[in-house]
Amino acid sequence: MEYKDGLPVLNFEELVSYIMEESQYPKTDIERILDLETEYMEKIGII
């Protein structure tokens, strides 16, 4: 497998299956908090 910047270089099908595998795992509390924080900042127009 080819790597660039420490990450595997994937074709479209490999990328889709990689994302599907990763999304099977529930988000951690920290990830959920960061998502909510980002959503809030977008709503109030900071980012």
PDB file of N, CA and C in Angstrom:
ATOM      1  N   MET A   1       0.847  -1.192   0.000  1.00  0.00           N
ATOM      2  CA  MET A   1       0.000   0.000   0.000  1.00  0.00           C
ATOM      3  C   MET A   1       0.883   1.243   0.000  1.00  0.00           C
ATOM      4  N   GLU A   2       0.480   2.210  -0.777  1.00  0.00           N
ATOM      5  CA  GLU A   2       1.239   3.461  -0.897  1.00  0.00           C
ATOM      6  C   GLU A   2       0.813   4.425   0.217  1.00  0.00           C
ATOM      7  N   TYR A   3       1.814   5.121   0.778  1.00  0.00           N
ATOM      8  CA  TYR A   3       1.522   6.071   1.855  1.00  0.00           C
ATOM      9  C   TYR A   3       1.989   7.466   1.481  1.00  0.00           C
ATOM     10  N   LYS A   4       1.253   8.469   1.949  1.00  0.00           N
ATOM     11  CA  LYS A   4       1.658   9.861   1.775  1.00  0.00           C
ATOM     12  C   LYS A   4       1.336  10.585   3.075  1.00  0.00           C
ATOM     13  N   ASP A   5       2.301  11.294   3.626  1.00  0.00           N
ATOM     14  CA  ASP A   5       2.132  11.999   4.904  1.00  0.00           C
ATOM     15  C   ASP A   5       1.637  11.065   6.004  1.00  0.00           C
ATOM     16  N   GLY A   6       2.105   9.813   5.984  1.00  0.00           N
ATOM     17  CA  GLY A   6       1.748   8.859   7.027  1.00  0.00           C
ATOM     18  C   GLY A   6       0.370   8.243   6.891  1.00  0.00           C
ATOM     19  N   LEU A   7      -0.358   8.599   5.831  1.00  0.00           N
ATOM     20  CA  LEU A   7      -1.693   8.050   5.614  1.00  0.00           C
ATOM     21  C   LEU A   7      -1.716   7.236   4.328  1.00  0.00           C
ATOM     22  N   PRO A   8      -2.499   6.155   4.309  1.00  0.00           N
ATOM     23  CA  PRO A   8      -2.560   5.360   3.084  1.00  0.00           C
ATOM     24  C   PRO A   8      -3.232   6.135   1.954  1.00  0.00           C
ATOM     25  N   VAL A   9      -2.704   5.980   0.748  1.00  0.00           N
ATOM     26  CA  VAL A   9      -3.318   6.588  -0.438  1.00  0.00           C
ATOM     27  C   VAL A   9      -4.350   5.582  -0.954  1.00  0.00           C
ATOM     28  N   LEU A  10      -5.615   5.986  -0.965  1.00  0.00           N
ATOM     29  CA  LEU A  10      -6.697   5.076  -1.318  1.00  0.00           C
ATOM     30  C   LEU A  10      -7.410   5.540  -2.581  1.00  0.00           C
ATOM     31  N   ASN A  11      -7.877   4.557  -3.373  1.00  0.00           N
ATOM     32  CA  ASN A  11      -8.744   4.938  -4.485  1.00  0.00           C
ATOM     33  C   ASN A  11     -10.150   5.168  -3.932  1.00  0.00           C
ATOM     34  N   PHE A  12     -11.080   5.582  -4.756  1.00  0.00           N
ATOM     35  CA  PHE A  12     -12.408   5.967  -4.272  1.00  0.00           C
ATOM     36  C   PHE A  12     -13.105   4.838  -3.510  1.00  0.00           C
ATOM     37  N   GLU A  13     -13.085   3.623  -4.060  1.00  0.00           N
ATOM     38  CA  GLU A  13     -13.770   2.498  -3.414  1.00  0.00           C
ATOM     39  C   GLU A  13     -13.138   2.171  -2.070  1.00  0.00           C
ATOM     40  N   GLU A  14     -11.795   2.201  -2.011  1.00  0.00           N
ATOM     41  CA  GLU A  14     -11.103   1.940  -0.751  1.00  0.00           C
ATOM     42  C   GLU A  14     -11.440   3.016   0.274  1.00  0.00           C
ATOM     43  N   LEU A  15     -11.505   4.264  -0.192  1.00  0.00           N
ATOM     44  CA  LEU A  15     -11.823   5.380   0.692  1.00  0.00           C
ATOM     45  C   LEU A  15     -13.223   5.217   1.277  1.00  0.00           C
ATOM     46  N   VAL A  16     -14.193   4.873   0.439  1.00  0.00           N
ATOM     47  CA  VAL A  16     -15.568   4.684   0.908  1.00  0.00           C
ATOM     48  C   VAL A  16     -15.625   3.562   1.939  1.00  0.00           C
ATOM     49  N   SER A  17     -14.965   2.441   1.683  1.00  0.00           N
ATOM     50  CA  SER A  17     -15.019   1.336   2.643  1.00  0.00           C
ATOM     51  C   SER A  17     -14.291   1.700   3.940  1.00  0.00           C
ATOM     52  N   TYR A  18     -13.201   2.472   3.830  1.00  0.00           N
ATOM     53  CA  TYR A  18     -12.475   2.932   5.021  1.00  0.00           C
ATOM     54  C   TYR A  18     -13.387   3.808   5.882  1.00  0.00           C
ATOM     55  N   ILE A  19     -14.098   4.746   5.238  1.00  0.00           N
ATOM     56  CA  ILE A  19     -15.013   5.638   5.965  1.00  0.00           C
ATOM     57  C   ILE A  19     -16.142   4.823   6.604  1.00  0.00           C
ATOM     58  N   MET A  20     -16.680   3.852   5.885  1.00  0.00           N
ATOM     59  CA  MET A  20     -17.757   3.019   6.423  1.00  0.00           C
ATOM     60  C   MET A  20     -17.274   2.261   7.655  1.00  0.00           C
ATOM     61  N   GLU A  21     -16.056   1.716   7.602  1.00  0.00           N
ATOM     62  CA  GLU A  21     -15.497   0.995   8.747  1.00  0.00           C
ATOM     63  C   GLU A  21     -15.328   1.930   9.936  1.00  0.00           C
ATOM     64  N   GLU A  22     -14.760   3.094   9.687  1.00  0.00           N
ATOM     65  CA  GLU A  22     -14.503   4.052  10.760  1.00  0.00           C
ATOM     66  C   GLU A  22     -15.803   4.529  11.399  1.00  0.00           C
ATOM     67  N   SER A  23     -16.853   4.700  10.589  1.00  0.00           N
ATOM     68  CA  SER A  23     -18.098   5.261  11.106  1.00  0.00           C
ATOM     69  C   SER A  23     -18.899   4.245  11.910  1.00  0.00           C
ATOM     70  N   GLN A  24     -18.470   2.986  11.929  1.00  0.00           N
ATOM     71  CA  GLN A  24     -19.165   1.983  12.734  1.00  0.00           C
ATOM     72  C   GLN A  24     -18.905   2.201  14.220  1.00  0.00           C
ATOM     73  N   TYR A  25     -17.802   2.871  14.542  1.00  0.00           N
ATOM     74  CA  TYR A  25     -17.446   3.075  15.933  1.00  0.00           C
ATOM     75  C   TYR A  25     -18.108   4.340  16.444  1.00  0.00           C
ATOM     76  N   PRO A  26     -18.715   4.264  17.636  1.00  0.00           N
ATOM     77  CA  PRO A  26     -19.362   5.461  18.175  1.00  0.00           C
ATOM     78  C   PRO A  26     -18.345   6.551  18.493  1.00  0.00           C
ATOM     79  N   LYS A  27     -18.778   7.782  18.392  1.00  0.00           N
ATOM     80  CA  LYS A  27     -17.897   8.904  18.705  1.00  0.00           C
ATOM     81  C   LYS A  27     -17.645   8.945  20.205  1.00  0.00           C
ATOM     82  N   THR A  28     -16.483   9.432  20.562  1.00  0.00           N
ATOM     83  CA  THR A  28     -16.185   9.629  21.977  1.00  0.00           C
ATOM     84  C   THR A  28     -16.903  10.880  22.454  1.00  0.00           C
ATOM     85  N   ASP A  29     -17.000  11.035  23.753  1.00  0.00           N
ATOM     86  CA  ASP A  29     -17.628  12.236  24.319  1.00  0.00           C
ATOM     87  C   ASP A  29     -16.915  13.492  23.849  1.00  0.00           C
ATOM     88  N   ILE A  30     -15.588  13.449  23.783  1.00  0.00           N
ATOM     89  CA  ILE A  30     -14.814  14.626  23.372  1.00  0.00           C
ATOM     90  C   ILE A  30     -15.154  15.000  21.931  1.00  0.00           C
ATOM     91  N   GLU A  31     -15.227  14.000  21.047  1.00  0.00           N
ATOM     92  CA  GLU A  31     -15.579  14.274  19.647  1.00  0.00           C
ATOM     93  C   GLU A  31     -16.970  14.887  19.547  1.00  0.00           C
ATOM     94  N   ARG A  32     -17.905  14.382  20.359  1.00  0.00           N
ATOM     95  CA  ARG A  32     -19.271  14.900  20.350  1.00  0.00           C
ATOM     96  C   ARG A  32     -19.287  16.357  20.814  1.00  0.00           C
ATOM     97  N   ILE A  33     -18.525  16.651  21.877  1.00  0.00           N
ATOM     98  CA  ILE A  33     -18.440  18.022  22.398  1.00  0.00           C
ATOM     99  C   ILE A  33     -17.845  18.953  21.345  1.00  0.00           C
ATOM    100  N   LEU A  34     -16.776  18.520  20.682  1.00  0.00           N
ATOM    101  CA  LEU A  34     -16.150  19.348  19.642  1.00  0.00           C
ATOM    102  C   LEU A  34     -17.116  19.603  18.491  1.00  0.00           C
ATOM    103  N   ASP A  35     -17.892  18.594  18.107  1.00  0.00           N
ATOM    104  CA  ASP A  35     -18.891  18.770  17.049  1.00  0.00           C
ATOM    105  C   ASP A  35     -19.931  19.810  17.452  1.00  0.00           C
ATOM    106  N   LEU A  36     -20.412  19.724  18.702  1.00  0.00           N
ATOM    107  CA  LEU A  36     -21.413  20.677  19.189  1.00  0.00           C
ATOM    108  C   LEU A  36     -20.834  22.081  19.259  1.00  0.00           C
ATOM    109  N   GLU A  37     -19.575  22.175  19.695  1.00  0.00           N
ATOM    110  CA  GLU A  37     -18.909  23.474  19.789  1.00  0.00           C
ATOM    111  C   GLU A  37     -18.773  24.101  18.399  1.00  0.00           C
ATOM    112  N   THR A  38     -18.360  23.304  17.424  1.00  0.00           N
ATOM    113  CA  THR A  38     -18.215  23.787  16.049  1.00  0.00           C
ATOM    114  C   THR A  38     -19.566  24.235  15.499  1.00  0.00           C
ATOM    115  N   GLU A  39     -20.597  23.428  15.738  1.00  0.00           N
ATOM    116  CA  GLU A  39     -21.948  23.760  15.269  1.00  0.00           C
ATOM    117  C   GLU A  39     -22.408  25.090  15.882  1.00  0.00           C
ATOM    118  N   TYR A  40     -22.151  25.280  17.171  1.00  0.00           N
ATOM    119  CA  TYR A  40     -22.534  26.519  17.861  1.00  0.00           C
ATOM    120  C   TYR A  40     -21.797  27.716  17.267  1.00  0.00           C
ATOM    121  N   MET A  41     -20.486  27.573  17.057  1.00  0.00           N
ATOM    122  CA  MET A  41     -19.691  28.676  16.509  1.00  0.00           C
ATOM    123  C   MET A  41     -20.160  29.038  15.100  1.00  0.00           C
ATOM    124  N   GLU A  42     -20.549  28.022  14.305  1.00  0.00           N
ATOM    125  CA  GLU A  42     -21.073  28.295  12.967  1.00  0.00           C
ATOM    126  C   GLU A  42     -22.390  29.065  13.056  1.00  0.00           C
ATOM    127  N   LYS A  43     -23.243  28.695  14.019  1.00  0.00           N
ATOM    128  CA  LYS A  43     -24.542  29.359  14.169  1.00  0.00           C
ATOM    129  C   LYS A  43     -24.385  30.821  14.554  1.00  0.00           C
ATOM    130  N   ILE A  44     -23.424  31.123  15.447  1.00  0.00           N
ATOM    131  CA  ILE A  44     -23.280  32.515  15.890  1.00  0.00           C
ATOM    132  C   ILE A  44     -22.325  33.301  15.000  1.00  0.00           C
ATOM    133  N   GLY A  45     -21.749  32.623  14.009  1.00  0.00           N
ATOM    134  CA  GLY A  45     -20.979  33.318  12.985  1.00  0.00           C
ATOM    135  C   GLY A  45     -19.512  33.551  13.281  1.00  0.00           C
ATOM    136  N   ILE A  46     -18.949  32.812  14.250  1.00  0.00           N
ATOM    137  CA  ILE A  46     -17.516  32.963  14.533  1.00  0.00           C
ATOM    138  C   ILE A  46     -16.695  32.331  13.411  1.00  0.00           C
ATOM    139  N   ILE A  47     -17.171  31.173  12.934  1.00  0.00           N
ATOM    140  CA  ILE A  47     -16.436  30.480  11.862  1.00  0.00           C
ATOM    141  C   ILE A  47     -17.338  30.272  10.664  1.00  0.00           C
TER     142      ILE A  47
END
